[in-house]
Amino acid sequence: MKICFYCRKEVEINARPGRGESCPHCLADLKVCLNCRFYSESTYNGCSEPSADRVLQKDRANYCEYFEFRDASRGSTNENDLQKLKDLFKS
């Protein structure tokens, strides 16, 4: 299952999206760092693929050759998870 980074709705896509493809629900670009399995805020340049070129706008379509759509079951968060974390660290 693939989930759009922007609207969090399921996107039916079987192959790597092209640079011009967009979410059918919100029209956000699909081939963006925020949808990629290599995206990681904690790594240098936000990408765990060491050979990838630097991309400054992580929410915009790009030409990255290493793009692989992130699986929704891995690493996705929702607002409830974020709220639970905030509540945990409230003083």
N, C-alpha and C. Protein backbone atom coordinates (compact mmCIF):
# COMPACT_ATOMS: atom_id res chain seq x y z
N MET A 1 0.85 -1.17 0.00
CA MET A 1 0.00 0.00 0.00
C MET A 1 0.90 1.24 0.00
N LYS A 2 0.57 2.19 -0.87
CA LYS A 2 1.32 3.44 -0.98
C LYS A 2 0.43 4.57 -0.49
N ILE A 3 1.02 5.47 0.29
CA ILE A 3 0.29 6.58 0.88
C ILE A 3 0.93 7.90 0.46
N CYS A 4 0.12 8.85 0.04
CA CYS A 4 0.61 10.17 -0.33
C CYS A 4 1.12 10.88 0.93
N PHE A 5 2.30 11.48 0.85
CA PHE A 5 2.88 12.17 1.99
C PHE A 5 2.03 13.36 2.43
N TYR A 6 1.31 13.96 1.49
CA TYR A 6 0.59 15.20 1.77
C TYR A 6 -0.80 14.97 2.36
N CYS A 7 -1.63 14.19 1.67
CA CYS A 7 -3.01 14.00 2.14
C CYS A 7 -3.20 12.71 2.94
N ARG A 8 -2.18 11.84 2.95
CA ARG A 8 -2.20 10.57 3.70
C ARG A 8 -3.26 9.60 3.19
N LYS A 9 -3.68 9.77 1.93
CA LYS A 9 -4.65 8.84 1.35
C LYS A 9 -3.91 7.81 0.50
N GLU A 10 -4.52 6.65 0.37
CA GLU A 10 -3.91 5.56 -0.41
C GLU A 10 -3.87 5.91 -1.89
N VAL A 11 -2.75 5.58 -2.50
CA VAL A 11 -2.54 5.81 -3.93
C VAL A 11 -2.31 4.46 -4.58
N GLU A 12 -3.09 4.16 -5.61
CA GLU A 12 -2.92 2.90 -6.32
C GLU A 12 -1.87 3.10 -7.41
N ILE A 13 -0.68 2.56 -7.16
CA ILE A 13 0.41 2.69 -8.11
C ILE A 13 1.27 1.43 -8.02
N ASN A 14 1.58 0.85 -9.16
CA ASN A 14 2.34 -0.40 -9.17
C ASN A 14 3.78 -0.21 -9.58
N ALA A 15 4.07 0.84 -10.32
CA ALA A 15 5.42 1.08 -10.79
C ALA A 15 5.95 2.37 -10.19
N ARG A 16 7.21 2.64 -10.43
CA ARG A 16 7.81 3.89 -9.97
C ARG A 16 7.10 5.05 -10.67
N PRO A 17 6.62 6.04 -9.91
CA PRO A 17 5.93 7.16 -10.56
C PRO A 17 6.90 8.02 -11.36
N GLY A 18 6.40 8.61 -12.41
CA GLY A 18 7.20 9.55 -13.19
C GLY A 18 7.23 10.90 -12.50
N ARG A 19 8.13 11.76 -12.95
CA ARG A 19 8.29 13.07 -12.33
C ARG A 19 7.01 13.90 -12.42
N GLY A 20 6.20 13.69 -13.43
CA GLY A 20 5.00 14.49 -13.61
C GLY A 20 3.74 13.91 -12.99
N GLU A 21 3.84 12.75 -12.36
CA GLU A 21 2.64 12.13 -11.78
C GLU A 21 2.28 12.77 -10.44
N SER A 22 0.97 12.84 -10.21
CA SER A 22 0.51 13.46 -8.98
C SER A 22 -0.56 12.61 -8.31
N CYS A 23 -0.79 12.89 -7.05
CA CYS A 23 -1.80 12.19 -6.26
C CYS A 23 -3.18 12.49 -6.84
N PRO A 24 -4.01 11.46 -7.05
CA PRO A 24 -5.35 11.71 -7.59
C PRO A 24 -6.28 12.41 -6.60
N HIS A 25 -5.91 12.44 -5.33
CA HIS A 25 -6.76 13.04 -4.30
C HIS A 25 -6.44 14.51 -4.06
N CYS A 26 -5.14 14.84 -3.95
CA CYS A 26 -4.76 16.21 -3.59
C CYS A 26 -3.89 16.90 -4.64
N LEU A 27 -3.48 16.16 -5.67
CA LEU A 27 -2.65 16.65 -6.76
C LEU A 27 -1.21 16.98 -6.36
N ALA A 28 -0.78 16.51 -5.20
CA ALA A 28 0.62 16.68 -4.80
C ALA A 28 1.50 15.78 -5.68
N ASP A 29 2.74 16.22 -5.92
CA ASP A 29 3.68 15.40 -6.68
C ASP A 29 3.90 14.08 -5.94
N LEU A 30 4.08 12.99 -6.70
CA LEU A 30 4.31 11.68 -6.08
C LEU A 30 5.79 11.32 -5.99
N LYS A 31 6.57 11.70 -7.02
CA LYS A 31 8.00 11.36 -7.01
C LYS A 31 8.76 12.44 -6.25
N VAL A 32 8.61 12.39 -4.93
CA VAL A 32 9.25 13.36 -4.04
C VAL A 32 9.98 12.61 -2.93
N CYS A 33 10.94 13.26 -2.34
CA CYS A 33 11.70 12.63 -1.26
C CYS A 33 10.81 12.15 -0.12
N LEU A 34 9.79 12.92 0.21
CA LEU A 34 8.92 12.57 1.34
C LEU A 34 8.13 11.29 1.10
N ASN A 35 8.05 10.83 -0.14
CA ASN A 35 7.39 9.55 -0.46
C ASN A 35 8.40 8.42 -0.66
N CYS A 36 9.67 8.71 -0.56
CA CYS A 36 10.71 7.73 -0.88
C CYS A 36 11.13 6.92 0.35
N ARG A 37 11.43 5.67 0.13
CA ARG A 37 11.86 4.81 1.24
C ARG A 37 13.23 5.21 1.78
N PHE A 38 14.01 5.95 1.03
CA PHE A 38 15.34 6.39 1.48
C PHE A 38 15.30 7.69 2.27
N TYR A 39 14.15 8.37 2.29
CA TYR A 39 14.05 9.63 3.01
C TYR A 39 14.21 9.39 4.51
N SER A 40 15.05 10.21 5.12
CA SER A 40 15.28 10.10 6.55
C SER A 40 15.73 11.45 7.09
N GLU A 41 14.97 12.02 7.99
CA GLU A 41 15.33 13.32 8.56
C GLU A 41 16.64 13.27 9.33
N SER A 42 17.00 12.11 9.82
CA SER A 42 18.18 12.01 10.68
C SER A 42 19.48 11.79 9.92
N THR A 43 19.42 11.67 8.60
CA THR A 43 20.64 11.45 7.83
C THR A 43 21.05 12.73 7.10
N TYR A 44 22.31 12.76 6.69
CA TYR A 44 22.84 13.90 5.95
C TYR A 44 22.04 14.09 4.66
N ASN A 45 21.63 15.30 4.39
CA ASN A 45 20.83 15.64 3.22
C ASN A 45 19.45 15.01 3.22
N GLY A 46 19.06 14.34 4.31
CA GLY A 46 17.73 13.75 4.39
C GLY A 46 17.54 12.50 3.56
N CYS A 47 18.65 11.86 3.17
CA CYS A 47 18.56 10.68 2.32
C CYS A 47 19.54 9.62 2.78
N SER A 48 19.06 8.40 2.95
CA SER A 48 19.94 7.32 3.39
C SER A 48 20.60 6.59 2.22
N GLU A 49 20.32 7.01 0.98
CA GLU A 49 21.00 6.45 -0.19
C GLU A 49 22.26 7.29 -0.44
N PRO A 50 23.44 6.72 -0.19
CA PRO A 50 24.67 7.50 -0.26
C PRO A 50 25.03 8.02 -1.66
N SER A 51 24.53 7.42 -2.70
CA SER A 51 24.88 7.85 -4.06
C SER A 51 23.92 8.88 -4.64
N ALA A 52 22.84 9.15 -3.95
CA ALA A 52 21.83 10.09 -4.47
C ALA A 52 22.33 11.53 -4.41
N ASP A 53 21.96 12.30 -5.42
CA ASP A 53 22.28 13.72 -5.42
C ASP A 53 21.44 14.44 -4.38
N ARG A 54 21.93 15.58 -3.92
CA ARG A 54 21.22 16.37 -2.92
C ARG A 54 19.97 16.99 -3.55
N VAL A 55 18.85 16.90 -2.84
CA VAL A 55 17.59 17.52 -3.26
C VAL A 55 17.18 18.48 -2.15
N LEU A 56 17.02 19.75 -2.50
CA LEU A 56 16.70 20.75 -1.49
C LEU A 56 15.22 20.76 -1.13
N GLN A 57 14.35 20.67 -2.11
CA GLN A 57 12.92 20.72 -1.86
C GLN A 57 12.37 19.31 -1.80
N LYS A 58 12.25 18.79 -0.60
CA LYS A 58 11.86 17.39 -0.38
C LYS A 58 10.41 17.09 -0.74
N ASP A 59 9.59 18.13 -0.88
CA ASP A 59 8.18 17.94 -1.20
C ASP A 59 7.85 18.23 -2.66
N ARG A 60 8.87 18.41 -3.49
CA ARG A 60 8.68 18.71 -4.91
C ARG A 60 9.22 17.58 -5.77
N ALA A 61 8.62 17.41 -6.95
CA ALA A 61 9.07 16.37 -7.88
C ALA A 61 10.55 16.57 -8.22
N ASN A 62 11.26 15.47 -8.38
CA ASN A 62 12.69 15.55 -8.70
C ASN A 62 13.07 14.44 -9.69
N TYR A 63 14.33 14.43 -10.06
CA TYR A 63 14.83 13.47 -11.05
C TYR A 63 15.66 12.35 -10.42
N CYS A 64 15.52 12.10 -9.14
CA CYS A 64 16.35 11.11 -8.46
C CYS A 64 16.18 9.72 -9.09
N GLU A 65 17.31 9.12 -9.41
CA GLU A 65 17.34 7.79 -10.03
C GLU A 65 17.09 6.67 -9.00
N TYR A 66 17.23 6.99 -7.72
CA TYR A 66 17.14 5.97 -6.67
C TYR A 66 15.77 5.91 -6.01
N PHE A 67 14.83 6.72 -6.46
CA PHE A 67 13.52 6.79 -5.83
C PHE A 67 12.83 5.42 -5.81
N GLU A 68 12.34 5.05 -4.63
CA GLU A 68 11.50 3.87 -4.45
C GLU A 68 10.37 4.29 -3.51
N PHE A 69 9.15 4.08 -3.95
CA PHE A 69 8.00 4.51 -3.15
C PHE A 69 8.03 3.81 -1.79
N ARG A 70 7.89 4.58 -0.74
CA ARG A 70 7.91 4.06 0.63
C ARG A 70 6.67 3.21 0.87
N ASP A 71 6.86 2.09 1.53
CA ASP A 71 5.74 1.22 1.91
C ASP A 71 5.04 1.84 3.11
N ALA A 72 3.75 1.97 3.05
CA ALA A 72 2.99 2.63 4.11
C ALA A 72 3.10 1.92 5.45
N SER A 73 3.39 0.65 5.45
CA SER A 73 3.48 -0.08 6.71
C SER A 73 4.77 0.21 7.45
N ARG A 74 5.74 0.85 6.77
CA ARG A 74 7.03 1.18 7.39
C ARG A 74 7.16 2.68 7.55
N GLY A 75 7.45 3.11 8.74
CA GLY A 75 7.83 4.48 8.98
C GLY A 75 6.76 5.54 8.81
N SER A 76 5.52 5.15 8.68
CA SER A 76 4.50 6.18 8.55
C SER A 76 3.97 6.54 9.93
N THR A 77 3.66 7.80 10.10
CA THR A 77 3.10 8.25 11.37
C THR A 77 1.79 8.94 11.08
N ASN A 78 0.96 8.99 12.06
CA ASN A 78 -0.27 9.75 11.91
C ASN A 78 -0.39 10.71 13.08
N GLU A 79 -1.40 11.54 13.05
CA GLU A 79 -1.56 12.57 14.07
C GLU A 79 -1.75 11.97 15.46
N ASN A 80 -2.40 10.81 15.57
CA ASN A 80 -2.59 10.18 16.88
C ASN A 80 -1.26 9.76 17.48
N ASP A 81 -0.37 9.21 16.65
CA ASP A 81 0.95 8.81 17.15
C ASP A 81 1.73 10.02 17.65
N LEU A 82 1.67 11.11 16.90
CA LEU A 82 2.38 12.32 17.30
C LEU A 82 1.81 12.89 18.59
N GLN A 83 0.50 12.86 18.73
CA GLN A 83 -0.12 13.36 19.95
C GLN A 83 0.26 12.51 21.15
N LYS A 84 0.34 11.19 20.97
CA LYS A 84 0.75 10.31 22.06
C LYS A 84 2.17 10.65 22.51
N LEU A 85 3.05 10.93 21.56
CA LEU A 85 4.42 11.29 21.93
C LEU A 85 4.45 12.62 22.67
N LYS A 86 3.68 13.59 22.21
CA LYS A 86 3.63 14.88 22.90
C LYS A 86 3.11 14.72 24.30
N ASP A 87 2.07 13.92 24.49
CA ASP A 87 1.50 13.68 25.81
C ASP A 87 2.50 12.99 26.73
N LEU A 88 3.27 12.09 26.16
CA LEU A 88 4.26 11.36 26.96
C LEU A 88 5.30 12.29 27.56
N PHE A 89 5.70 13.31 26.80
CA PHE A 89 6.76 14.18 27.26
C PHE A 89 6.28 15.50 27.84
N LYS A 90 4.98 15.60 28.09
CA LYS A 90 4.41 16.79 28.73
C LYS A 90 4.84 16.83 30.18
N SER A 91 5.09 18.03 30.66
CA SER A 91 5.43 18.12 32.08
C SER A 91 4.35 18.77 32.88
